[in-house]
């Protein structure tokens, strides 16, 4: 197994940015017919960076056991959205796979590409998976929801410099997030659009702690996805827990076992 810490230049972000790449032991890797590894794109939450999953969970061990690669990028507090400060969505879904794919034996086939994240990273996972369902075979949503439903109006007297308030205008372009329903920032809208597109839909795994503030909206989201005319193949798990890595590290190996990884060489 190899853990590589890298700095690359991104044209989408117009600067250097960091990431981890995890490659399995050659004898354990599940390479496809082209000799490429399946890959899990792992997204961090707000106020975190590319190191947090590696520091706070046993992701490296689980990935190696599964015989797949993983890529852990940094995306600031962007909610994985194209903004004036950087085209983060394009970076994660287009530019980064091209760069990493040129450097390492990572598959670009849909059946070998998975994406997951917690909190803001779960939002980014939904944004990528629902916008580009033809790109990912499966997605993992850890304690997330459509944040525009969680923060519709900023409370009077709230600090506009707080990270989750600052992003209202800088990322979503609106202080009142209830006004961006039906846009690229609305995960319900994107999920429905993908369901009606006729494209293959990714399988969806979700989990959330029962003491987490996002639990109600995430439950509702998964129940709704199952009832669409063209429903998602999805599962939702919950257990006692908070919005923290104590909970996420418990469910990460369950997610890894659930992933539809093809048998390889």
Protein backbone atom coordinates (compact mmCIF):
# COMPACT_ATOMS: atom_id res chain seq x y z
CA UNK A 1 0.00 0.00 0.00
CA UNK A 2 1.16 3.53 -0.74
CA UNK A 3 0.11 6.85 0.77
CA UNK A 4 1.20 9.81 -1.33
CA UNK A 5 0.87 13.43 -0.24
CA UNK A 6 0.93 15.73 -3.25
CA UNK A 7 0.76 19.35 -4.33
CA UNK A 8 -0.53 20.01 -7.82
CA UNK A 9 -1.36 23.10 -9.81
CA UNK A 10 -5.04 23.45 -10.67
CA UNK A 11 -6.15 25.62 -13.55
CA UNK A 12 -9.69 25.53 -12.16
CA UNK A 13 -8.48 26.97 -8.84
CA UNK A 14 -5.60 28.99 -10.38
CA UNK A 15 -3.22 27.89 -7.61
CA UNK A 16 -1.41 24.99 -6.02
CA UNK A 17 -3.57 22.66 -3.96
CA UNK A 18 -2.96 19.56 -1.83
CA UNK A 19 -4.28 16.01 -1.86
CA UNK A 20 -3.64 12.48 -0.67
CA UNK A 21 -3.64 9.47 -3.00
CA UNK A 22 -3.91 5.99 -1.50
CA UNK A 23 -2.96 2.98 -3.63
CA UNK A 24 -3.49 -0.63 -2.47
CA UNK A 25 -0.85 -3.30 -2.16
CA UNK A 26 -0.19 -4.67 -5.67
CA UNK A 27 -1.15 -8.16 -4.56
CA UNK A 28 -4.47 -6.97 -3.11
CA UNK A 29 -5.52 -4.49 -5.77
CA UNK A 30 -8.68 -5.27 -7.75
CA UNK A 31 -7.54 -4.02 -11.14
CA UNK A 32 -9.95 -4.15 -14.05
CA UNK A 33 -9.25 -5.64 -17.47
CA UNK A 34 -7.26 -2.52 -18.40
CA UNK A 35 -5.05 -2.86 -15.32
CA UNK A 36 -6.66 0.11 -13.53
CA UNK A 37 -7.81 0.35 -9.91
CA UNK A 38 -11.36 1.28 -8.89
CA UNK A 39 -11.25 4.62 -7.07
CA UNK A 40 -13.09 6.30 -4.21
CA UNK A 41 -13.13 10.11 -4.24
CA UNK A 42 -13.34 11.24 -0.59
CA UNK A 43 -14.58 14.75 0.22
CA UNK A 44 -13.99 16.63 3.47
CA UNK A 45 -16.32 18.88 5.45
CA UNK A 46 -16.40 22.62 6.09
CA UNK A 47 -13.38 23.97 8.02
CA UNK A 48 -11.46 20.73 7.26
CA UNK A 49 -9.02 19.80 4.49
CA UNK A 50 -7.62 16.80 2.62
CA UNK A 51 -5.95 15.38 5.74
CA UNK A 52 -9.01 14.93 7.96
CA UNK A 53 -10.24 11.52 6.79
CA UNK A 54 -6.69 10.16 6.98
CA UNK A 55 -6.17 11.61 10.48
CA UNK A 56 -9.55 10.81 12.03
CA UNK A 57 -10.53 7.44 10.51
CA UNK A 58 -9.07 4.10 9.41
CA UNK A 59 -9.83 4.88 5.75
CA UNK A 60 -6.36 3.84 4.59
CA UNK A 61 -6.77 0.38 6.12
CA UNK A 62 -10.26 -0.09 4.70
CA UNK A 63 -9.22 1.02 1.22
CA UNK A 64 -6.25 -1.32 1.20
CA UNK A 65 -8.44 -4.23 2.34
CA UNK A 66 -10.95 -3.45 -0.42
CA UNK A 67 -8.16 -3.36 -3.02
CA UNK A 68 -9.09 0.03 -4.45
CA UNK A 69 -7.50 3.47 -4.68
CA UNK A 70 -8.70 6.61 -2.91
CA UNK A 71 -8.17 10.29 -3.64
CA UNK A 72 -8.63 12.90 -0.90
CA UNK A 73 -8.60 16.48 -2.26
CA UNK A 74 -8.87 19.86 -0.55
CA UNK A 75 -11.72 22.19 -1.46
CA UNK A 76 -11.71 24.91 1.22
CA UNK A 77 -15.23 25.99 2.35
CA UNK A 78 -16.53 25.91 -1.20
CA UNK A 79 -19.37 23.40 -0.88
CA UNK A 80 -17.75 21.94 -4.00
CA UNK A 81 -19.32 24.66 -6.11
CA UNK A 82 -17.92 26.84 -8.88
CA UNK A 83 -17.39 30.31 -7.36
CA UNK A 84 -15.51 33.50 -8.15
CA UNK A 85 -12.77 32.17 -5.86
CA UNK A 86 -12.31 28.94 -7.80
CA UNK A 87 -14.16 26.42 -9.97
CA UNK A 88 -14.29 23.74 -7.28
CA UNK A 89 -16.98 21.59 -8.90
CA UNK A 90 -15.06 21.47 -12.18
CA UNK A 91 -11.85 20.73 -10.27
CA UNK A 92 -13.30 17.76 -8.36
CA UNK A 93 -15.29 16.21 -11.20
CA UNK A 94 -13.19 17.02 -14.28
CA UNK A 95 -9.69 18.34 -13.74
CA UNK A 96 -8.59 16.23 -10.75
CA UNK A 97 -9.60 12.89 -12.33
CA UNK A 98 -7.64 13.84 -15.46
CA UNK A 99 -4.53 14.78 -13.46
CA UNK A 100 -4.59 11.77 -11.15
CA UNK A 101 -5.50 9.44 -14.01
CA UNK A 102 -2.39 10.48 -15.91
CA UNK A 103 -0.15 9.81 -12.91
CA UNK A 104 -1.59 6.57 -11.48
CA UNK A 105 -3.37 3.43 -12.74
CA UNK A 106 -6.87 4.63 -11.77
CA UNK A 107 -9.92 3.60 -13.78
CA UNK A 108 -12.09 6.18 -15.52
CA UNK A 109 -14.93 3.69 -16.06
CA UNK A 110 -18.20 4.51 -14.32
CA UNK A 111 -18.42 1.06 -12.73
CA UNK A 112 -15.10 1.71 -10.95
CA UNK A 113 -15.74 5.25 -9.70
CA UNK A 114 -17.30 6.00 -6.31
CA UNK A 115 -17.63 9.25 -4.36
CA UNK A 116 -18.30 9.92 -0.66
CA UNK A 117 -18.08 12.68 1.91
CA UNK A 118 -19.27 13.87 5.30
CA UNK A 119 -21.17 17.06 6.13
CA UNK A 120 -20.15 19.60 3.46
CA UNK A 121 -18.44 16.70 1.71
CA UNK A 122 -21.77 14.88 1.65
CA UNK A 123 -23.28 17.92 -0.02
CA UNK A 124 -20.44 17.83 -2.57
CA UNK A 125 -21.01 14.12 -3.07
CA UNK A 126 -24.68 14.71 -3.87
CA UNK A 127 -23.84 17.63 -6.12
CA UNK A 128 -21.40 15.52 -8.12
CA UNK A 129 -23.42 12.32 -8.14
CA UNK A 130 -26.76 13.89 -9.03
CA UNK A 131 -25.29 16.31 -11.60
CA UNK A 132 -23.15 13.63 -13.27
CA UNK A 133 -24.90 10.32 -12.57
CA UNK A 134 -23.17 8.81 -15.59
CA UNK A 135 -19.82 9.34 -13.84
CA UNK A 136 -20.27 7.42 -10.56
CA UNK A 137 -21.52 3.92 -9.76
CA UNK A 138 -22.14 4.69 -6.09
CA UNK A 139 -22.07 7.55 -3.60
CA UNK A 140 -21.83 7.76 0.19
CA UNK A 141 -23.53 10.55 2.13
CA UNK A 142 -22.33 10.83 5.73
CA UNK A 143 -24.45 13.14 7.92
CA UNK A 144 -25.40 15.57 5.23
CA UNK A 145 -28.43 17.10 3.59
CA UNK A 146 -29.33 19.92 1.29
CA UNK A 147 -27.89 22.78 3.36
CA UNK A 148 -30.26 25.29 1.82
CA UNK A 149 -33.00 23.53 3.80
CA UNK A 150 -31.00 23.59 7.02
CA UNK A 151 -30.12 27.31 6.90
CA UNK A 152 -32.93 29.16 5.07
CA UNK A 153 -32.61 32.50 6.90
CA UNK A 154 -29.68 33.89 8.86
CA UNK A 155 -30.68 34.82 12.38
CA UNK A 156 -30.55 38.54 13.31
CA UNK A 157 -27.28 39.41 14.96
CA UNK A 158 -25.46 36.36 13.63
CA UNK A 159 -21.82 36.85 12.73
CA UNK A 160 -21.67 37.10 8.91
CA UNK A 161 -17.98 36.10 9.06
CA UNK A 162 -18.76 32.67 10.52
CA UNK A 163 -17.85 30.06 7.87
CA UNK A 164 -21.40 28.76 7.48
CA UNK A 165 -22.72 32.30 7.12
CA UNK A 166 -19.92 33.58 4.89
CA UNK A 167 -20.67 30.91 2.29
CA UNK A 168 -24.25 32.13 1.86
CA UNK A 169 -23.30 34.94 -0.45
CA UNK A 170 -19.84 33.81 -1.59
CA UNK A 171 -20.94 30.29 -2.58
CA UNK A 172 -24.70 30.30 -2.98
CA UNK A 173 -25.04 33.98 -3.97
CA UNK A 174 -27.90 34.64 -1.55
CA UNK A 175 -28.21 35.40 2.17
CA UNK A 176 -31.62 33.71 2.32
CA UNK A 177 -30.91 30.19 1.08
CA UNK A 178 -34.61 29.37 0.69
CA UNK A 179 -34.42 31.49 -2.47
CA UNK A 180 -32.08 29.08 -4.26
CA UNK A 181 -34.50 26.16 -4.48
CA UNK A 182 -34.68 24.81 -8.00
CA UNK A 183 -31.05 25.72 -8.75
CA UNK A 184 -27.74 23.85 -8.94
CA UNK A 185 -27.48 24.29 -5.15
CA UNK A 186 -30.71 22.37 -4.46
CA UNK A 187 -29.96 18.67 -3.98
CA UNK A 188 -33.64 17.67 -4.22
CA UNK A 189 -33.87 19.45 -7.57
CA UNK A 190 -30.67 17.80 -8.84
CA UNK A 191 -31.73 14.34 -7.64
CA UNK A 192 -35.10 14.63 -9.39
CA UNK A 193 -33.49 15.94 -12.57
CA UNK A 194 -31.09 12.99 -12.65
CA UNK A 195 -33.92 10.54 -11.98
CA UNK A 196 -35.84 11.92 -14.96
CA UNK A 197 -32.81 12.09 -17.27
CA UNK A 198 -32.83 8.47 -18.38
CA UNK A 199 -29.18 8.16 -17.36
CA UNK A 200 -27.99 5.32 -15.10
CA UNK A 201 -28.34 6.34 -11.46
CA UNK A 202 -25.67 5.76 -8.82
CA UNK A 203 -26.44 3.57 -5.83
CA UNK A 204 -26.70 5.74 -2.71
CA UNK A 205 -25.57 4.96 0.85
CA UNK A 206 -26.49 7.30 3.68
CA UNK A 207 -25.90 7.34 7.42
CA UNK A 208 -26.52 9.84 10.19
CA UNK A 209 -26.41 9.96 13.98
CA UNK A 210 -29.72 10.25 15.80
CA UNK A 211 -28.37 13.23 17.78
CA UNK A 212 -27.15 15.00 14.63
CA UNK A 213 -28.94 18.17 13.52
CA UNK A 214 -29.13 16.91 9.94
CA UNK A 215 -30.95 13.65 10.78
CA UNK A 216 -34.51 14.75 9.91
CA UNK A 217 -33.68 16.22 6.52
CA UNK A 218 -31.46 13.28 5.57
CA UNK A 219 -34.15 10.76 6.54
CA UNK A 220 -36.70 12.67 4.46
CA UNK A 221 -34.33 12.88 1.50
CA UNK A 222 -33.77 9.12 1.39
CA UNK A 223 -37.46 8.28 1.80
CA UNK A 224 -38.26 10.68 -1.02
CA UNK A 225 -35.61 9.17 -3.34
CA UNK A 226 -37.14 5.72 -2.89
CA UNK A 227 -40.59 6.99 -3.96
CA UNK A 228 -39.64 8.69 -7.22
CA UNK A 229 -41.13 7.27 -10.43
CA UNK A 230 -37.58 6.23 -11.29
CA UNK A 231 -36.32 5.54 -7.76
CA UNK A 232 -32.76 5.38 -6.51
CA UNK A 233 -31.29 2.15 -5.20
CA UNK A 234 -30.45 3.53 -1.78
CA UNK A 235 -30.01 2.53 1.84
CA UNK A 236 -30.05 4.73 4.92
CA UNK A 237 -28.52 3.77 8.26
CA UNK A 238 -28.79 5.51 11.60
CA UNK A 239 -27.54 4.90 15.11
CA UNK A 240 -26.79 6.87 18.25
CA UNK A 241 -24.21 9.50 17.36
CA UNK A 242 -23.28 13.10 16.77
CA UNK A 243 -21.90 15.07 13.84
CA UNK A 244 -18.36 13.84 14.38
CA UNK A 245 -15.75 11.30 13.37
CA UNK A 246 -16.60 8.97 16.24
CA UNK A 247 -19.80 8.29 14.31
CA UNK A 248 -18.38 8.43 10.78
CA UNK A 249 -15.52 6.03 11.54
CA UNK A 250 -18.05 3.48 12.82
CA UNK A 251 -19.99 3.53 9.55
CA UNK A 252 -17.08 3.87 7.14
CA UNK A 253 -16.26 0.13 7.06
CA UNK A 254 -19.97 -0.63 6.53
CA UNK A 255 -19.97 1.71 3.56
CA UNK A 256 -16.78 0.15 2.19
CA UNK A 257 -18.33 -3.34 2.36
CA UNK A 258 -21.51 -2.03 0.67
CA UNK A 259 -19.64 -0.53 -2.29
CA UNK A 260 -20.32 -2.39 -5.57
CA UNK A 261 -16.65 -3.12 -6.27
CA UNK A 262 -16.13 -5.39 -9.24
CA UNK A 263 -13.95 -8.45 -8.79
CA UNK A 264 -10.59 -7.74 -10.36
CA UNK A 265 -7.25 -9.37 -10.89
